[in-house]
């Protein structure tokens, strides 16, 4: 899942980003509304965690721009005010969810995950391909009922491939969905991650290479 955190309090923004990364998400940070607008305009995010009170472009305007863009990005609006009137006002501006500061981080994670599921095409709660099963909520992978230990990036790559329903996913899309903006698009990061993922999943092979196009995991059907 790709997430953008737009928050002008740098320590809070970085703390949220670190926490979401530990949950296996690819996270970018913007410290003002103008930067948030620029990043959300060029990158397809699943969820934007958006502070309402921002320097530069106001949070309400950025929310309207994201929603008006016609994409599938979901917006979780943060605010220092948790009154019912503020919540109603924020949701009326197009936000998908609303969380008052201070907040409990587990609740933030749960809400981001819920919005992320809404931003993507509907998929089963547990992804299955042959004897491989991936549970996004529990962050577990099994093969023939035996657990497979994966790194966060390996898990993310497998989740994207299995969630594609047998369609080919390019290296560029994997880089965009699983890594953040600091990833070098010219490195062999995706290829190396797929190679180690294949080794951990074992034989027979689960991930197919489609020359010149990317990778795919054939659907169970």
C-alpha atoms as a PDB file:
ATOM      1  CA  UNK A   1       0.000   0.000   0.000  1.00  0.00           C
ATOM      2  CA  UNK A   2       1.306   3.462  -0.921  1.00  0.00           C
ATOM      3  CA  UNK A   3       0.556   6.240   1.571  1.00  0.00           C
ATOM      4  CA  UNK A   4       1.231   9.991   1.614  1.00  0.00           C
ATOM      5  CA  UNK A   5       1.420  11.738   4.983  1.00  0.00           C
ATOM      6  CA  UNK A   6       0.803  15.502   4.719  1.00  0.00           C
ATOM      7  CA  UNK A   7       1.576  17.032   8.102  1.00  0.00           C
ATOM      8  CA  UNK A   8       3.446  20.244   8.920  1.00  0.00           C
ATOM      9  CA  UNK A   9       4.684  19.061  12.328  1.00  0.00           C
ATOM     10  CA  UNK A  10       7.836  17.308  11.133  1.00  0.00           C
ATOM     11  CA  UNK A  11       8.381  15.092  14.210  1.00  0.00           C
ATOM     12  CA  UNK A  12       4.786  13.853  14.055  1.00  0.00           C
ATOM     13  CA  UNK A  13       4.942  13.335  10.287  1.00  0.00           C
ATOM     14  CA  UNK A  14       8.141  11.289  10.552  1.00  0.00           C
ATOM     15  CA  UNK A  15       6.818   9.286  13.517  1.00  0.00           C
ATOM     16  CA  UNK A  16       3.652   8.393  11.606  1.00  0.00           C
ATOM     17  CA  UNK A  17       5.690   7.516   8.514  1.00  0.00           C
ATOM     18  CA  UNK A  18       8.057   5.268  10.474  1.00  0.00           C
ATOM     19  CA  UNK A  19       5.163   3.509  12.151  1.00  0.00           C
ATOM     20  CA  UNK A  20       3.310   2.888   8.887  1.00  0.00           C
ATOM     21  CA  UNK A  21       6.505   1.615   7.264  1.00  0.00           C
ATOM     22  CA  UNK A  22       6.866  -0.891  10.096  1.00  0.00           C
ATOM     23  CA  UNK A  23       3.393  -2.071   9.104  1.00  0.00           C
ATOM     24  CA  UNK A  24       4.703  -2.795   5.605  1.00  0.00           C
ATOM     25  CA  UNK A  25       3.433   0.321   3.834  1.00  0.00           C
ATOM     26  CA  UNK A  26       5.372   2.508   1.405  1.00  0.00           C
ATOM     27  CA  UNK A  27       5.167   6.027   2.818  1.00  0.00           C
ATOM     28  CA  UNK A  28       6.062   9.482   1.475  1.00  0.00           C
ATOM     29  CA  UNK A  29       5.932  12.682   3.533  1.00  0.00           C
ATOM     30  CA  UNK A  30       5.002  16.272   2.680  1.00  0.00           C
ATOM     31  CA  UNK A  31       5.343  19.063   5.242  1.00  0.00           C
ATOM     32  CA  UNK A  32       3.046  21.588   3.551  1.00  0.00           C
ATOM     33  CA  UNK A  33      -0.024  21.667   1.354  1.00  0.00           C
ATOM     34  CA  UNK A  34       1.758  22.716  -1.829  1.00  0.00           C
ATOM     35  CA  UNK A  35       4.224  19.806  -1.639  1.00  0.00           C
ATOM     36  CA  UNK A  36       1.372  17.458  -0.788  1.00  0.00           C
ATOM     37  CA  UNK A  37      -0.526  18.621  -3.853  1.00  0.00           C
ATOM     38  CA  UNK A  38       2.515  18.150  -6.081  1.00  0.00           C
ATOM     39  CA  UNK A  39       3.203  14.636  -4.817  1.00  0.00           C
ATOM     40  CA  UNK A  40      -0.423  13.522  -4.952  1.00  0.00           C
ATOM     41  CA  UNK A  41      -0.651  14.833  -8.526  1.00  0.00           C
ATOM     42  CA  UNK A  42       2.208  12.689  -9.845  1.00  0.00           C
ATOM     43  CA  UNK A  43       1.931   9.537  -7.713  1.00  0.00           C
ATOM     44  CA  UNK A  44      -1.050   7.230  -7.295  1.00  0.00           C
ATOM     45  CA  UNK A  45      -1.510   6.852  -3.552  1.00  0.00           C
ATOM     46  CA  UNK A  46      -3.928   4.446  -1.938  1.00  0.00           C
ATOM     47  CA  UNK A  47      -4.392   6.694   1.087  1.00  0.00           C
ATOM     48  CA  UNK A  48      -3.458  10.282   1.962  1.00  0.00           C
ATOM     49  CA  UNK A  49      -3.225  11.050   5.687  1.00  0.00           C
ATOM     50  CA  UNK A  50      -3.962  14.761   5.592  1.00  0.00           C
ATOM     51  CA  UNK A  51      -3.603  17.366   8.334  1.00  0.00           C
ATOM     52  CA  UNK A  52      -6.325  19.951   7.964  1.00  0.00           C
ATOM     53  CA  UNK A  53      -4.283  22.945   9.152  1.00  0.00           C
ATOM     54  CA  UNK A  54      -1.369  23.284   6.715  1.00  0.00           C
ATOM     55  CA  UNK A  55       0.927  26.034   5.494  1.00  0.00           C
ATOM     56  CA  UNK A  56       0.643  26.774   1.802  1.00  0.00           C
ATOM     57  CA  UNK A  57      -2.341  25.058   0.235  1.00  0.00           C
ATOM     58  CA  UNK A  58      -4.951  24.509   2.992  1.00  0.00           C
ATOM     59  CA  UNK A  59      -5.824  20.934   3.884  1.00  0.00           C
ATOM     60  CA  UNK A  60      -9.457  21.428   2.863  1.00  0.00           C
ATOM     61  CA  UNK A  61      -8.394  22.614  -0.598  1.00  0.00           C
ATOM     62  CA  UNK A  62      -5.943  19.738  -0.999  1.00  0.00           C
ATOM     63  CA  UNK A  63      -8.643  17.272   0.003  1.00  0.00           C
ATOM     64  CA  UNK A  64     -10.968  18.757  -2.620  1.00  0.00           C
ATOM     65  CA  UNK A  65      -8.225  18.553  -5.269  1.00  0.00           C
ATOM     66  CA  UNK A  66      -7.514  14.899  -4.506  1.00  0.00           C
ATOM     67  CA  UNK A  67     -11.178  13.931  -4.497  1.00  0.00           C
ATOM     68  CA  UNK A  68     -11.882  16.027  -7.592  1.00  0.00           C
ATOM     69  CA  UNK A  69      -9.076  14.286  -9.468  1.00  0.00           C
ATOM     70  CA  UNK A  70     -11.363  11.342 -10.056  1.00  0.00           C
ATOM     71  CA  UNK A  71      -8.896   8.709  -8.822  1.00  0.00           C
ATOM     72  CA  UNK A  72      -9.320   6.027  -6.180  1.00  0.00           C
ATOM     73  CA  UNK A  73      -7.177   7.710  -3.511  1.00  0.00           C
ATOM     74  CA  UNK A  74      -8.831   7.795  -0.085  1.00  0.00           C
ATOM     75  CA  UNK A  75      -8.325  10.678   2.331  1.00  0.00           C
ATOM     76  CA  UNK A  76      -7.984  10.357   6.106  1.00  0.00           C
ATOM     77  CA  UNK A  77      -8.213  13.871   7.525  1.00  0.00           C
ATOM     78  CA  UNK A  78      -6.405  14.744  10.765  1.00  0.00           C
ATOM     79  CA  UNK A  79      -7.298  17.733  12.912  1.00  0.00           C
ATOM     80  CA  UNK A  80      -6.628  19.149  16.338  1.00  0.00           C
ATOM     81  CA  UNK A  81     -10.364  19.660  16.768  1.00  0.00           C
ATOM     82  CA  UNK A  82     -12.592  16.662  17.288  1.00  0.00           C
ATOM     83  CA  UNK A  83     -15.994  18.326  17.566  1.00  0.00           C
ATOM     84  CA  UNK A  84     -18.920  16.829  15.722  1.00  0.00           C
ATOM     85  CA  UNK A  85     -19.267  19.994  13.630  1.00  0.00           C
ATOM     86  CA  UNK A  86     -15.650  19.777  12.476  1.00  0.00           C
ATOM     87  CA  UNK A  87     -16.025  16.090  11.658  1.00  0.00           C
ATOM     88  CA  UNK A  88     -19.156  16.704   9.602  1.00  0.00           C
ATOM     89  CA  UNK A  89     -17.485  19.633   7.840  1.00  0.00           C
ATOM     90  CA  UNK A  90     -14.383  17.584   7.007  1.00  0.00           C
ATOM     91  CA  UNK A  91     -16.397  14.690   5.638  1.00  0.00           C
ATOM     92  CA  UNK A  92     -18.561  17.078   3.634  1.00  0.00           C
ATOM     93  CA  UNK A  93     -15.418  18.269   1.848  1.00  0.00           C
ATOM     94  CA  UNK A  94     -14.795  14.804   0.504  1.00  0.00           C
ATOM     95  CA  UNK A  95     -12.659  13.175   3.186  1.00  0.00           C
ATOM     96  CA  UNK A  96     -13.320   9.445   3.582  1.00  0.00           C
ATOM     97  CA  UNK A  97     -12.499   9.362   7.288  1.00  0.00           C
ATOM     98  CA  UNK A  98     -11.674  11.788  10.068  1.00  0.00           C
ATOM     99  CA  UNK A  99      -9.383  11.378  13.095  1.00  0.00           C
ATOM    100  CA  UNK A 100      -8.822  13.923  15.857  1.00  0.00           C
ATOM    101  CA  UNK A 101      -5.426  14.598  17.431  1.00  0.00           C
ATOM    102  CA  UNK A 102      -4.078  13.216  19.652  1.00  0.00           C
ATOM    103  CA  UNK A 103      -4.814   9.741  18.321  1.00  0.00           C
ATOM    104  CA  UNK A 104      -3.802   6.194  19.183  1.00  0.00           C
ATOM    105  CA  UNK A 105      -1.448   4.860  16.538  1.00  0.00           C
ATOM    106  CA  UNK A 106      -3.117   1.398  16.295  1.00  0.00           C
ATOM    107  CA  UNK A 107      -6.375   3.171  15.449  1.00  0.00           C
ATOM    108  CA  UNK A 108      -4.625   5.192  12.735  1.00  0.00           C
ATOM    109  CA  UNK A 109      -3.170   1.996  11.249  1.00  0.00           C
ATOM    110  CA  UNK A 110      -6.563   0.274  11.295  1.00  0.00           C
ATOM    111  CA  UNK A 111      -8.235   3.215   9.575  1.00  0.00           C
ATOM    112  CA  UNK A 112      -5.495   3.508   6.933  1.00  0.00           C
ATOM    113  CA  UNK A 113      -5.753  -0.221   6.184  1.00  0.00           C
ATOM    114  CA  UNK A 114      -9.542   0.004   5.914  1.00  0.00           C
ATOM    115  CA  UNK A 115      -9.307   2.937   3.510  1.00  0.00           C
ATOM    116  CA  UNK A 116      -6.601   1.146   1.524  1.00  0.00           C
ATOM    117  CA  UNK A 117      -8.921  -1.774   0.966  1.00  0.00           C
ATOM    118  CA  UNK A 118     -11.584   0.624  -0.313  1.00  0.00           C
ATOM    119  CA  UNK A 119      -9.150   2.257  -2.758  1.00  0.00           C
ATOM    120  CA  UNK A 120      -8.339  -1.023  -4.516  1.00  0.00           C
ATOM    121  CA  UNK A 121     -10.554  -3.382  -6.529  1.00  0.00           C
ATOM    122  CA  UNK A 122     -12.366  -5.823  -4.286  1.00  0.00           C
ATOM    123  CA  UNK A 123     -10.238  -8.836  -3.420  1.00  0.00           C
ATOM    124  CA  UNK A 124     -10.854 -11.797  -1.095  1.00  0.00           C
ATOM    125  CA  UNK A 125      -9.791 -11.298   2.537  1.00  0.00           C
ATOM    126  CA  UNK A 126      -7.200 -14.055   2.002  1.00  0.00           C
ATOM    127  CA  UNK A 127      -5.427 -14.247  -1.373  1.00  0.00           C
ATOM    128  CA  UNK A 128      -4.867 -17.748  -2.687  1.00  0.00           C
ATOM    129  CA  UNK A 129      -2.856 -19.063  -5.637  1.00  0.00           C
ATOM    130  CA  UNK A 130      -2.414 -22.822  -5.728  1.00  0.00           C
ATOM    131  CA  UNK A 131      -1.159 -23.862  -2.301  1.00  0.00           C
ATOM    132  CA  UNK A 132       0.033 -20.359  -1.412  1.00  0.00           C
ATOM    133  CA  UNK A 133      -2.191 -18.265   0.866  1.00  0.00           C
ATOM    134  CA  UNK A 134      -1.552 -14.648   1.846  1.00  0.00           C
ATOM    135  CA  UNK A 135      -3.517 -12.945   4.610  1.00  0.00           C
ATOM    136  CA  UNK A 136      -3.074  -9.142   4.331  1.00  0.00           C
ATOM    137  CA  UNK A 137      -4.695  -8.435   7.702  1.00  0.00           C
ATOM    138  CA  UNK A 138      -2.547 -10.869   9.672  1.00  0.00           C
ATOM    139  CA  UNK A 139       0.533 -10.254   7.494  1.00  0.00           C
ATOM    140  CA  UNK A 140       1.067 -13.994   7.059  1.00  0.00           C
ATOM    141  CA  UNK A 141       1.973 -16.230   4.115  1.00  0.00           C
ATOM    142  CA  UNK A 142       1.725 -19.999   4.016  1.00  0.00           C
ATOM    143  CA  UNK A 143       2.567 -22.610   1.427  1.00  0.00           C
ATOM    144  CA  UNK A 144       0.921 -26.005   1.793  1.00  0.00           C
ATOM    145  CA  UNK A 145      -0.160 -24.789   5.244  1.00  0.00           C
ATOM    146  CA  UNK A 146       3.455 -24.185   6.318  1.00  0.00           C
ATOM    147  CA  UNK A 147       4.428 -20.601   7.271  1.00  0.00           C
ATOM    148  CA  UNK A 148       6.756 -18.670   4.972  1.00  0.00           C
ATOM    149  CA  UNK A 149       8.761 -15.889   6.629  1.00  0.00           C
ATOM    150  CA  UNK A 150       9.059 -12.828   4.377  1.00  0.00           C
ATOM    151  CA  UNK A 151      10.504  -9.345   4.727  1.00  0.00           C
ATOM    152  CA  UNK A 152       8.092  -6.406   4.453  1.00  0.00           C
ATOM    153  CA  UNK A 153       9.115  -5.739   0.853  1.00  0.00           C
ATOM    154  CA  UNK A 154       8.859  -9.398  -0.153  1.00  0.00           C
ATOM    155  CA  UNK A 155       5.404  -9.538   1.419  1.00  0.00           C
ATOM    156  CA  UNK A 156       4.400  -6.344  -0.376  1.00  0.00           C
ATOM    157  CA  UNK A 157       5.536  -7.649  -3.775  1.00  0.00           C
ATOM    158  CA  UNK A 158       3.701 -10.936  -3.294  1.00  0.00           C
ATOM    159  CA  UNK A 159       0.561  -9.131  -2.120  1.00  0.00           C
ATOM    160  CA  UNK A 160       0.503  -6.929  -5.234  1.00  0.00           C
ATOM    161  CA  UNK A 161       1.136  -9.877  -7.567  1.00  0.00           C
ATOM    162  CA  UNK A 162      -1.482 -12.126  -5.972  1.00  0.00           C
ATOM    163  CA  UNK A 163      -3.966  -9.263  -5.762  1.00  0.00           C
ATOM    164  CA  UNK A 164      -3.652  -8.680  -9.524  1.00  0.00           C
ATOM    165  CA  UNK A 165      -5.720 -11.793 -10.210  1.00  0.00           C
ATOM    166  CA  UNK A 166      -3.306 -13.320 -12.701  1.00  0.00           C
ATOM    167  CA  UNK A 167      -2.585 -10.083 -14.569  1.00  0.00           C
ATOM    168  CA  UNK A 168       0.973  -9.036 -15.363  1.00  0.00           C
ATOM    169  CA  UNK A 169       2.473  -6.397 -13.063  1.00  0.00           C
ATOM    170  CA  UNK A 170       5.437  -4.400 -14.345  1.00  0.00           C
ATOM    171  CA  UNK A 171       8.599  -3.756 -12.348  1.00  0.00           C
ATOM    172  CA  UNK A 172       7.747  -0.058 -12.456  1.00  0.00           C
ATOM    173  CA  UNK A 173       4.348  -0.640 -10.877  1.00  0.00           C
ATOM    174  CA  UNK A 174       5.847  -2.892  -8.196  1.00  0.00           C
ATOM    175  CA  UNK A 175       8.376  -0.184  -7.399  1.00  0.00           C
ATOM    176  CA  UNK A 176       5.572   2.370  -7.139  1.00  0.00           C
ATOM    177  CA  UNK A 177       3.254   0.217  -5.023  1.00  0.00           C
ATOM    178  CA  UNK A 178       5.759  -1.310  -2.591  1.00  0.00           C
ATOM    179  CA  UNK A 179       8.611   1.181  -2.256  1.00  0.00           C
ATOM    180  CA  UNK A 180       8.516   4.922  -1.555  1.00  0.00           C
ATOM    181  CA  UNK A 181       9.768   7.934  -3.465  1.00  0.00           C
ATOM    182  CA  UNK A 182      13.338   7.395  -2.240  1.00  0.00           C
ATOM    183  CA  UNK A 183      13.678   4.191  -4.250  1.00  0.00           C
ATOM    184  CA  UNK A 184      16.020   4.449  -7.247  1.00  0.00           C
ATOM    185  CA  UNK A 185      14.052   3.435 -10.358  1.00  0.00           C
ATOM    186  CA  UNK A 186      17.271   2.354 -12.073  1.00  0.00           C
ATOM    187  CA  UNK A 187      18.352  -0.183  -9.450  1.00  0.00           C
ATOM    188  CA  UNK A 188      17.781  -3.946  -9.525  1.00  0.00           C
ATOM    189  CA  UNK A 189      15.770  -3.734  -6.295  1.00  0.00           C
ATOM    190  CA  UNK A 190      12.610  -5.308  -7.710  1.00  0.00           C
ATOM    191  CA  UNK A 191      14.458  -8.098  -9.526  1.00  0.00           C
ATOM    192  CA  UNK A 192      16.502  -8.998  -6.450  1.00  0.00           C
ATOM    193  CA  UNK A 193      13.420  -8.954  -4.211  1.00  0.00           C
ATOM    194  CA  UNK A 194      11.509 -11.223  -6.611  1.00  0.00           C
ATOM    195  CA  UNK A 195      14.521 -13.572  -6.730  1.00  0.00           C
ATOM    196  CA  UNK A 196      14.691 -13.927  -2.932  1.00  0.00           C
ATOM    197  CA  UNK A 197      10.897 -14.241  -2.767  1.00  0.00           C
ATOM    198  CA  UNK A 198      10.997 -17.123  -5.242  1.00  0.00           C
ATOM    199  CA  UNK A 199      13.622 -18.915  -3.155  1.00  0.00           C
ATOM    200  CA  UNK A 200      11.564 -18.590   0.008  1.00  0.00           C
ATOM    201  CA  UNK A 201       8.384 -19.813  -1.682  1.00  0.00           C
ATOM    202  CA  UNK A 202      10.194 -22.848  -3.081  1.00  0.00           C
ATOM    203  CA  UNK A 203       9.241 -25.221  -5.872  1.00  0.00           C
ATOM    204  CA  UNK A 204       7.279 -25.485  -8.019  1.00  0.00           C
ATOM    205  CA  UNK A 205       7.677 -21.823  -8.895  1.00  0.00           C
ATOM    206  CA  UNK A 206       4.814 -19.448  -8.092  1.00  0.00           C
ATOM    207  CA  UNK A 207       5.951 -16.236  -9.778  1.00  0.00           C
ATOM    208  CA  UNK A 208       6.255 -16.192 -13.557  1.00  0.00           C
ATOM    209  CA  UNK A 209       8.425 -13.750 -15.492  1.00  0.00           C
ATOM    210  CA  UNK A 210       6.766 -12.291 -18.568  1.00  0.00           C
ATOM    211  CA  UNK A 211       9.673 -11.112 -20.704  1.00  0.00           C
ATOM    212  CA  UNK A 212       9.507  -7.408 -21.469  1.00  0.00           C
ATOM    213  CA  UNK A 213       6.383  -6.929 -19.357  1.00  0.00           C
ATOM    214  CA  UNK A 214       6.904  -7.913 -15.710  1.00  0.00           C
ATOM    215  CA  UNK A 215       5.756 -10.642 -13.391  1.00  0.00           C
ATOM    216  CA  UNK A 216       2.570 -12.541 -12.668  1.00  0.00           C
ATOM    217  CA  UNK A 217       1.169 -15.102 -10.253  1.00  0.00           C
ATOM    218  CA  UNK A 218      -1.363 -17.271 -12.103  1.00  0.00           C
ATOM    219  CA  UNK A 219      -4.748 -17.168 -10.415  1.00  0.00           C
ATOM    220  CA  UNK A 220      -6.117 -20.237  -8.747  1.00  0.00           C
ATOM    221  CA  UNK A 221      -8.713 -20.620 -11.457  1.00  0.00           C
END
